[in-house]
Amino acid sequence: MLRHRMTIMSVWILALATAAASSGQQTVTVTSSSPTHAKLAALANNSTTIPSSEISRWKRILDGLSAKCQDETRKQISDYLVAGHGVVKKRGKNMAMIDFVRFVDQSLPKEIEPDYKSILNCRIMTTTVATRIVTGEKHVIVDARVGY
């Protein structure tokens, strides 16, 4: 019986490996020297082996946030996102990291007026979004024309 189960399991593993190989999906192993967006992808997917398409998606996301928050580094933005998502999870809210990051991204205007850069940045918006999720408030969307 055990041998039969092992044979069935071997067939399934072989089938899954063949399907993954035939799909053409390349994977990347994320390490401590990987770019920031790759590390975010690994955290979001809870794995160090990530499809390259997922790493590309996180690169686009971080590129967009970096363009909005020009006074902050990619590493700083990543740290804010990880910390904010951690607070949300710690407070019992079951939310995928990608969803949290989308809320932060949607809350920031495409361009921030120079007069508002000191009070409107990725750090502050990540904190605001995390607080609103934890308290159950609506998400804030900032209008770039008026600053708030």
N, C-alpha and C. Protein backbone atom coordinates (compact mmCIF):
# COMPACT_ATOMS: atom_id res chain seq x y z
N MET A 1 0.82 -1.19 0.00
CA MET A 1 0.00 0.00 0.00
C MET A 1 0.87 1.26 0.00
N LEU A 2 1.92 1.26 0.84
CA LEU A 2 2.81 2.41 0.91
C LEU A 2 3.52 2.61 -0.41
N ARG A 3 3.93 1.52 -1.03
CA ARG A 3 4.62 1.62 -2.32
C ARG A 3 3.68 2.20 -3.38
N HIS A 4 2.42 1.80 -3.35
CA HIS A 4 1.42 2.31 -4.30
C HIS A 4 1.24 3.82 -4.11
N ARG A 5 1.16 4.28 -2.85
CA ARG A 5 1.02 5.71 -2.58
C ARG A 5 2.24 6.48 -3.06
N MET A 6 3.41 5.92 -2.86
CA MET A 6 4.64 6.60 -3.29
C MET A 6 4.68 6.70 -4.80
N THR A 7 4.20 5.65 -5.50
CA THR A 7 4.16 5.69 -6.95
C THR A 7 3.20 6.75 -7.44
N ILE A 8 2.02 6.83 -6.83
CA ILE A 8 1.04 7.85 -7.20
C ILE A 8 1.62 9.24 -6.93
N MET A 9 2.25 9.42 -5.77
CA MET A 9 2.84 10.72 -5.45
C MET A 9 3.95 11.08 -6.44
N SER A 10 4.76 10.11 -6.83
CA SER A 10 5.83 10.35 -7.80
C SER A 10 5.26 10.79 -9.14
N VAL A 11 4.16 10.16 -9.56
CA VAL A 11 3.52 10.53 -10.81
C VAL A 11 3.00 11.96 -10.74
N TRP A 12 2.37 12.34 -9.62
CA TRP A 12 1.87 13.71 -9.46
C TRP A 12 3.00 14.72 -9.48
N ILE A 13 4.08 14.43 -8.78
CA ILE A 13 5.23 15.34 -8.74
C ILE A 13 5.81 15.50 -10.14
N LEU A 14 5.94 14.39 -10.86
CA LEU A 14 6.47 14.45 -12.23
C LEU A 14 5.52 15.25 -13.13
N ALA A 15 4.22 15.06 -12.96
CA ALA A 15 3.25 15.79 -13.77
C ALA A 15 3.31 17.29 -13.47
N LEU A 16 3.41 17.65 -12.20
CA LEU A 16 3.50 19.06 -11.83
C LEU A 16 4.79 19.68 -12.36
N ALA A 17 5.89 18.98 -12.25
CA ALA A 17 7.16 19.49 -12.75
C ALA A 17 7.12 19.67 -14.26
N THR A 18 6.51 18.73 -14.95
CA THR A 18 6.40 18.82 -16.41
C THR A 18 5.51 19.99 -16.79
N ALA A 19 4.41 20.16 -16.08
CA ALA A 19 3.50 21.28 -16.38
C ALA A 19 4.19 22.61 -16.15
N ALA A 20 4.95 22.72 -15.07
CA ALA A 20 5.65 23.97 -14.78
C ALA A 20 6.72 24.24 -15.85
N ALA A 21 7.42 23.22 -16.25
CA ALA A 21 8.46 23.40 -17.27
C ALA A 21 7.86 23.75 -18.62
N SER A 22 6.73 23.14 -18.95
CA SER A 22 6.13 23.39 -20.25
C SER A 22 5.43 24.74 -20.31
N SER A 23 5.09 25.31 -19.15
CA SER A 23 4.42 26.61 -19.16
C SER A 23 5.39 27.74 -19.52
N GLY A 24 6.68 27.44 -19.48
CA GLY A 24 7.67 28.45 -19.83
C GLY A 24 7.89 29.48 -18.74
N GLN A 25 7.27 29.28 -17.60
CA GLN A 25 7.40 30.23 -16.50
C GLN A 25 8.76 30.07 -15.84
N GLN A 26 9.57 31.09 -15.95
CA GLN A 26 10.89 31.05 -15.31
C GLN A 26 10.75 31.52 -13.87
N THR A 27 11.54 30.94 -13.01
CA THR A 27 11.54 31.35 -11.62
C THR A 27 12.90 31.93 -11.26
N VAL A 28 12.89 32.73 -10.22
CA VAL A 28 14.10 33.38 -9.73
C VAL A 28 14.19 33.09 -8.24
N THR A 29 15.39 32.78 -7.78
CA THR A 29 15.60 32.61 -6.35
C THR A 29 16.06 33.95 -5.79
N VAL A 30 15.29 34.47 -4.86
CA VAL A 30 15.58 35.77 -4.26
C VAL A 30 16.54 35.58 -3.10
N THR A 31 17.58 36.40 -3.09
CA THR A 31 18.59 36.35 -2.02
C THR A 31 18.72 37.72 -1.38
N SER A 32 19.58 37.82 -0.40
CA SER A 32 19.78 39.12 0.28
C SER A 32 20.37 40.16 -0.65
N SER A 33 21.02 39.74 -1.73
CA SER A 33 21.60 40.70 -2.67
C SER A 33 20.66 41.02 -3.84
N SER A 34 19.46 40.46 -3.83
CA SER A 34 18.49 40.73 -4.89
C SER A 34 17.98 42.17 -4.79
N PRO A 35 17.47 42.71 -5.89
CA PRO A 35 16.92 44.07 -5.85
C PRO A 35 15.72 44.16 -4.89
N THR A 36 15.45 45.35 -4.45
CA THR A 36 14.37 45.60 -3.49
C THR A 36 13.03 45.05 -3.96
N HIS A 37 12.71 45.25 -5.24
CA HIS A 37 11.40 44.77 -5.73
C HIS A 37 11.31 43.25 -5.69
N ALA A 38 12.43 42.56 -5.89
CA ALA A 38 12.43 41.10 -5.81
C ALA A 38 12.20 40.64 -4.37
N LYS A 39 12.79 41.36 -3.43
CA LYS A 39 12.58 41.02 -2.01
C LYS A 39 11.12 41.24 -1.62
N LEU A 40 10.52 42.31 -2.13
CA LEU A 40 9.09 42.54 -1.87
C LEU A 40 8.25 41.40 -2.44
N ALA A 41 8.58 40.96 -3.64
CA ALA A 41 7.85 39.85 -4.27
C ALA A 41 7.98 38.59 -3.41
N ALA A 42 9.17 38.34 -2.89
CA ALA A 42 9.39 37.16 -2.05
C ALA A 42 8.57 37.25 -0.77
N LEU A 43 8.56 38.42 -0.14
CA LEU A 43 7.76 38.59 1.08
C LEU A 43 6.27 38.42 0.79
N ALA A 44 5.82 39.04 -0.29
CA ALA A 44 4.40 38.98 -0.63
C ALA A 44 3.95 37.57 -0.94
N ASN A 45 4.85 36.77 -1.50
CA ASN A 45 4.51 35.40 -1.89
C ASN A 45 4.98 34.36 -0.88
N ASN A 46 5.59 34.83 0.18
CA ASN A 46 6.06 33.94 1.25
C ASN A 46 6.95 32.81 0.71
N SER A 47 7.83 33.18 -0.21
CA SER A 47 8.72 32.19 -0.82
C SER A 47 9.93 32.92 -1.39
N THR A 48 11.05 32.23 -1.42
CA THR A 48 12.24 32.82 -2.04
C THR A 48 12.36 32.43 -3.50
N THR A 49 11.54 31.51 -3.95
CA THR A 49 11.52 31.13 -5.36
C THR A 49 10.25 31.71 -5.98
N ILE A 50 10.46 32.69 -6.85
CA ILE A 50 9.36 33.50 -7.36
C ILE A 50 9.34 33.46 -8.89
N PRO A 51 8.16 33.39 -9.49
CA PRO A 51 8.10 33.51 -10.96
C PRO A 51 8.63 34.88 -11.38
N SER A 52 9.36 34.91 -12.47
CA SER A 52 9.94 36.17 -12.93
C SER A 52 8.87 37.20 -13.25
N SER A 53 7.68 36.74 -13.67
CA SER A 53 6.59 37.67 -13.95
C SER A 53 6.14 38.39 -12.68
N GLU A 54 6.18 37.71 -11.56
CA GLU A 54 5.80 38.31 -10.28
C GLU A 54 6.84 39.35 -9.86
N ILE A 55 8.09 39.07 -10.10
CA ILE A 55 9.15 40.04 -9.79
C ILE A 55 8.99 41.27 -10.68
N SER A 56 8.65 41.06 -11.93
CA SER A 56 8.42 42.18 -12.85
C SER A 56 7.24 43.04 -12.38
N ARG A 57 6.20 42.38 -11.90
CA ARG A 57 5.03 43.12 -11.40
C ARG A 57 5.41 44.00 -10.22
N TRP A 58 6.20 43.46 -9.28
CA TRP A 58 6.61 44.25 -8.13
C TRP A 58 7.59 45.36 -8.53
N LYS A 59 8.35 45.15 -9.58
CA LYS A 59 9.23 46.22 -10.08
C LYS A 59 8.38 47.38 -10.59
N ARG A 60 7.33 47.07 -11.36
CA ARG A 60 6.44 48.13 -11.87
C ARG A 60 5.77 48.88 -10.72
N ILE A 61 5.33 48.16 -9.72
CA ILE A 61 4.68 48.78 -8.56
C ILE A 61 5.65 49.72 -7.86
N LEU A 62 6.85 49.24 -7.59
CA LEU A 62 7.84 50.05 -6.87
C LEU A 62 8.31 51.22 -7.74
N ASP A 63 8.39 51.01 -9.05
CA ASP A 63 8.73 52.11 -9.97
C ASP A 63 7.68 53.22 -9.86
N GLY A 64 6.41 52.83 -9.85
CA GLY A 64 5.33 53.81 -9.75
C GLY A 64 5.36 54.58 -8.44
N LEU A 65 5.57 53.87 -7.34
CA LEU A 65 5.64 54.54 -6.05
C LEU A 65 6.88 55.43 -5.95
N SER A 66 7.97 54.98 -6.52
CA SER A 66 9.20 55.79 -6.50
C SER A 66 9.01 57.08 -7.28
N ALA A 67 8.26 57.03 -8.35
CA ALA A 67 7.99 58.24 -9.13
C ALA A 67 7.13 59.22 -8.34
N LYS A 68 6.22 58.69 -7.54
CA LYS A 68 5.35 59.56 -6.73
C LYS A 68 6.08 60.10 -5.51
N CYS A 69 6.95 59.31 -4.94
CA CYS A 69 7.66 59.68 -3.71
C CYS A 69 9.14 59.86 -4.01
N GLN A 70 9.45 60.87 -4.78
CA GLN A 70 10.80 61.06 -5.28
C GLN A 70 11.83 61.37 -4.20
N ASP A 71 11.39 61.86 -3.06
CA ASP A 71 12.33 62.19 -2.00
C ASP A 71 12.67 60.99 -1.12
N GLU A 72 12.10 59.83 -1.43
CA GLU A 72 12.34 58.63 -0.65
C GLU A 72 12.97 57.55 -1.54
N THR A 73 13.87 56.77 -0.97
CA THR A 73 14.54 55.72 -1.75
C THR A 73 13.61 54.52 -1.90
N ARG A 74 13.92 53.67 -2.85
CA ARG A 74 13.15 52.44 -3.05
C ARG A 74 13.18 51.58 -1.79
N LYS A 75 14.33 51.55 -1.14
CA LYS A 75 14.48 50.76 0.09
C LYS A 75 13.58 51.33 1.19
N GLN A 76 13.56 52.66 1.33
CA GLN A 76 12.70 53.27 2.33
C GLN A 76 11.23 52.96 2.04
N ILE A 77 10.83 53.13 0.79
CA ILE A 77 9.44 52.85 0.42
C ILE A 77 9.09 51.40 0.72
N SER A 78 9.98 50.50 0.38
CA SER A 78 9.76 49.08 0.66
C SER A 78 9.62 48.83 2.16
N ASP A 79 10.51 49.43 2.94
CA ASP A 79 10.44 49.27 4.39
C ASP A 79 9.11 49.77 4.95
N TYR A 80 8.63 50.92 4.45
CA TYR A 80 7.35 51.46 4.91
C TYR A 80 6.22 50.50 4.58
N LEU A 81 6.24 49.96 3.36
CA LEU A 81 5.18 49.04 2.93
C LEU A 81 5.16 47.78 3.78
N VAL A 82 6.34 47.22 4.03
CA VAL A 82 6.43 45.99 4.83
C VAL A 82 5.96 46.27 6.26
N ALA A 83 6.39 47.39 6.83
CA ALA A 83 5.99 47.73 8.20
C ALA A 83 4.48 47.99 8.27
N GLY A 84 3.96 48.75 7.32
CA GLY A 84 2.52 49.04 7.31
C GLY A 84 1.68 47.78 7.19
N HIS A 85 2.09 46.91 6.27
CA HIS A 85 1.36 45.65 6.10
C HIS A 85 1.47 44.79 7.36
N GLY A 86 2.64 44.84 8.01
CA GLY A 86 2.83 44.09 9.25
C GLY A 86 1.89 44.56 10.35
N VAL A 87 1.68 45.86 10.45
CA VAL A 87 0.75 46.41 11.44
C VAL A 87 -0.66 45.92 11.15
N VAL A 88 -1.05 45.97 9.89
CA VAL A 88 -2.39 45.53 9.50
C VAL A 88 -2.59 44.06 9.88
N LYS A 89 -1.61 43.22 9.57
CA LYS A 89 -1.72 41.79 9.92
C LYS A 89 -1.73 41.58 11.43
N LYS A 90 -0.85 42.31 12.12
CA LYS A 90 -0.75 42.16 13.58
C LYS A 90 -2.06 42.54 14.27
N ARG A 91 -2.80 43.45 13.67
CA ARG A 91 -4.08 43.88 14.24
C ARG A 91 -5.23 42.99 13.80
N GLY A 92 -4.90 41.86 13.17
CA GLY A 92 -5.93 40.87 12.86
C GLY A 92 -6.64 41.04 11.53
N LYS A 93 -6.16 41.93 10.69
CA LYS A 93 -6.79 42.12 9.38
C LYS A 93 -6.10 41.21 8.38
N ASN A 94 -6.87 40.35 7.74
CA ASN A 94 -6.33 39.42 6.77
C ASN A 94 -6.32 40.08 5.40
N MET A 95 -5.20 40.66 5.04
CA MET A 95 -5.09 41.37 3.77
C MET A 95 -3.77 41.00 3.11
N ALA A 96 -3.85 40.65 1.84
CA ALA A 96 -2.63 40.32 1.10
C ALA A 96 -1.78 41.58 0.96
N MET A 97 -0.48 41.40 0.94
CA MET A 97 0.42 42.54 0.82
C MET A 97 0.15 43.33 -0.46
N ILE A 98 -0.13 42.64 -1.55
CA ILE A 98 -0.38 43.33 -2.82
C ILE A 98 -1.59 44.25 -2.70
N ASP A 99 -2.62 43.84 -1.96
CA ASP A 99 -3.80 44.68 -1.78
C ASP A 99 -3.47 45.91 -0.94
N PHE A 100 -2.68 45.71 0.11
CA PHE A 100 -2.27 46.84 0.94
C PHE A 100 -1.48 47.85 0.10
N VAL A 101 -0.54 47.35 -0.69
CA VAL A 101 0.29 48.23 -1.51
C VAL A 101 -0.56 48.96 -2.55
N ARG A 102 -1.54 48.29 -3.10
CA ARG A 102 -2.44 48.96 -4.06
C ARG A 102 -3.20 50.12 -3.41
N PHE A 103 -3.65 49.92 -2.16
CA PHE A 103 -4.33 51.00 -1.45
C PHE A 103 -3.40 52.20 -1.25
N VAL A 104 -2.16 51.92 -0.88
CA VAL A 104 -1.20 53.00 -0.70
C VAL A 104 -0.98 53.72 -2.02
N ASP A 105 -0.77 52.96 -3.09
CA ASP A 105 -0.53 53.54 -4.40
C ASP A 105 -1.71 54.39 -4.87
N GLN A 106 -2.92 53.87 -4.70
CA GLN A 106 -4.11 54.59 -5.13
C GLN A 106 -4.36 55.84 -4.29
N SER A 107 -3.86 55.85 -3.07
CA SER A 107 -4.07 56.98 -2.18
C SER A 107 -3.17 58.16 -2.49
N LEU A 108 -2.08 57.91 -3.18
CA LEU A 108 -1.13 58.97 -3.52
C LEU A 108 -1.46 59.56 -4.88
N PRO A 109 -1.41 60.88 -5.01
CA PRO A 109 -1.61 61.48 -6.33
C PRO A 109 -0.44 61.17 -7.24
N LYS A 110 -0.64 61.28 -8.53
CA LYS A 110 0.43 61.00 -9.49
C LYS A 110 1.61 61.95 -9.30
N GLU A 111 1.31 63.18 -8.99
CA GLU A 111 2.36 64.17 -8.72
C GLU A 111 2.00 64.90 -7.44
N ILE A 112 3.00 65.14 -6.62
CA ILE A 112 2.78 65.84 -5.37
C ILE A 112 3.34 67.25 -5.51
N GLU A 113 2.49 68.22 -5.23
CA GLU A 113 2.91 69.62 -5.31
C GLU A 113 4.08 69.85 -4.37
N PRO A 114 5.06 70.65 -4.79
CA PRO A 114 6.24 70.91 -3.94
C PRO A 114 5.89 71.38 -2.53
N ASP A 115 4.85 72.18 -2.40
CA ASP A 115 4.47 72.69 -1.08
C ASP A 115 4.00 71.60 -0.12
N TYR A 116 3.59 70.45 -0.68
CA TYR A 116 3.04 69.39 0.15
C TYR A 116 3.97 68.20 0.34
N LYS A 117 5.16 68.23 -0.27
CA LYS A 117 6.06 67.08 -0.20
C LYS A 117 6.49 66.74 1.23
N SER A 118 6.59 67.74 2.08
CA SER A 118 7.03 67.47 3.45
C SER A 118 5.95 66.79 4.28
N ILE A 119 4.68 66.95 3.89
CA ILE A 119 3.60 66.35 4.67
C ILE A 119 2.89 65.22 3.92
N LEU A 120 3.24 65.02 2.67
CA LEU A 120 2.58 63.99 1.87
C LEU A 120 3.65 63.18 1.15
N ASN A 121 3.95 62.02 1.71
CA ASN A 121 4.96 61.16 1.11
C ASN A 121 4.59 59.71 1.37
N CYS A 122 5.41 58.79 0.91
CA CYS A 122 5.08 57.37 1.06
C CYS A 122 5.03 56.93 2.52
N ARG A 123 5.90 57.47 3.35
CA ARG A 123 5.90 57.10 4.76
C ARG A 123 4.58 57.49 5.42
N ILE A 124 4.19 58.73 5.22
CA ILE A 124 2.96 59.22 5.84
C ILE A 124 1.73 58.51 5.26
N MET A 125 1.71 58.33 3.95
CA MET A 125 0.55 57.70 3.34
C MET A 125 0.44 56.23 3.73
N THR A 126 1.56 55.53 3.86
CA THR A 126 1.52 54.13 4.29
C THR A 126 0.96 54.04 5.71
N THR A 127 1.41 54.93 6.57
CA THR A 127 0.91 54.96 7.94
C THR A 127 -0.59 55.27 7.96
N THR A 128 -1.00 56.24 7.16
CA THR A 128 -2.42 56.62 7.10
C THR A 128 -3.28 55.47 6.60
N VAL A 129 -2.84 54.81 5.54
CA VAL A 129 -3.61 53.70 4.98
C VAL A 129 -3.69 52.56 6.00
N ALA A 130 -2.58 52.22 6.65
CA ALA A 130 -2.60 51.14 7.64
C ALA A 130 -3.57 51.48 8.78
N THR A 131 -3.53 52.72 9.24
CA THR A 131 -4.43 53.15 10.32
C THR A 131 -5.88 53.04 9.90
N ARG A 132 -6.18 53.48 8.69
CA ARG A 132 -7.57 53.43 8.21
C ARG A 132 -8.05 51.99 8.04
N ILE A 133 -7.19 51.11 7.59
CA ILE A 133 -7.59 49.70 7.44
C ILE A 133 -7.86 49.09 8.80
N VAL A 134 -6.97 49.34 9.75
CA VAL A 134 -7.12 48.77 11.09
C VAL A 134 -8.37 49.29 11.78
N THR A 135 -8.67 50.58 11.60
CA THR A 135 -9.83 51.17 12.27
C THR A 135 -11.12 51.02 11.48
N GLY A 136 -11.03 50.50 10.25
CA GLY A 136 -12.22 50.28 9.44
C GLY A 136 -12.73 51.52 8.74
N GLU A 137 -11.92 52.56 8.66
CA GLU A 137 -12.33 53.78 7.96
C GLU A 137 -12.16 53.60 6.47
N LYS A 138 -12.82 54.47 5.70
CA LYS A 138 -12.65 54.44 4.26
C LYS A 138 -11.23 54.83 3.91
N HIS A 139 -10.80 54.39 2.76
CA HIS A 139 -9.45 54.74 2.29
C HIS A 139 -9.43 56.17 1.81
N VAL A 140 -8.33 56.82 2.06
CA VAL A 140 -8.18 58.21 1.66
C VAL A 140 -7.55 58.26 0.27
N ILE A 141 -8.06 59.12 -0.55
CA ILE A 141 -7.45 59.38 -1.86
C ILE A 141 -7.17 60.87 -1.91
N VAL A 142 -5.92 61.19 -2.09
CA VAL A 142 -5.50 62.58 -2.05
C VAL A 142 -5.65 63.21 -3.42
N ASP A 143 -6.21 64.39 -3.45
CA ASP A 143 -6.34 65.16 -4.68
C ASP A 143 -5.12 66.05 -4.80
N ALA A 144 -4.33 65.86 -5.85
CA ALA A 144 -3.08 66.59 -6.00
C ALA A 144 -3.29 68.07 -6.17
N ARG A 145 -4.46 68.47 -6.63
CA ARG A 145 -4.70 69.90 -6.88
C ARG A 145 -4.84 70.69 -5.59
N VAL A 146 -5.36 70.05 -4.55
CA VAL A 146 -5.55 70.78 -3.30
C VAL A 146 -4.62 70.28 -2.19
N GLY A 147 -3.89 69.22 -2.48
CA GLY A 147 -2.95 68.72 -1.48
C GLY A 147 -3.54 67.67 -0.57
N TYR A 148 -4.83 67.70 -0.31
CA TYR A 148 -5.46 66.69 0.54
C TYR A 148 -6.64 66.10 -0.18
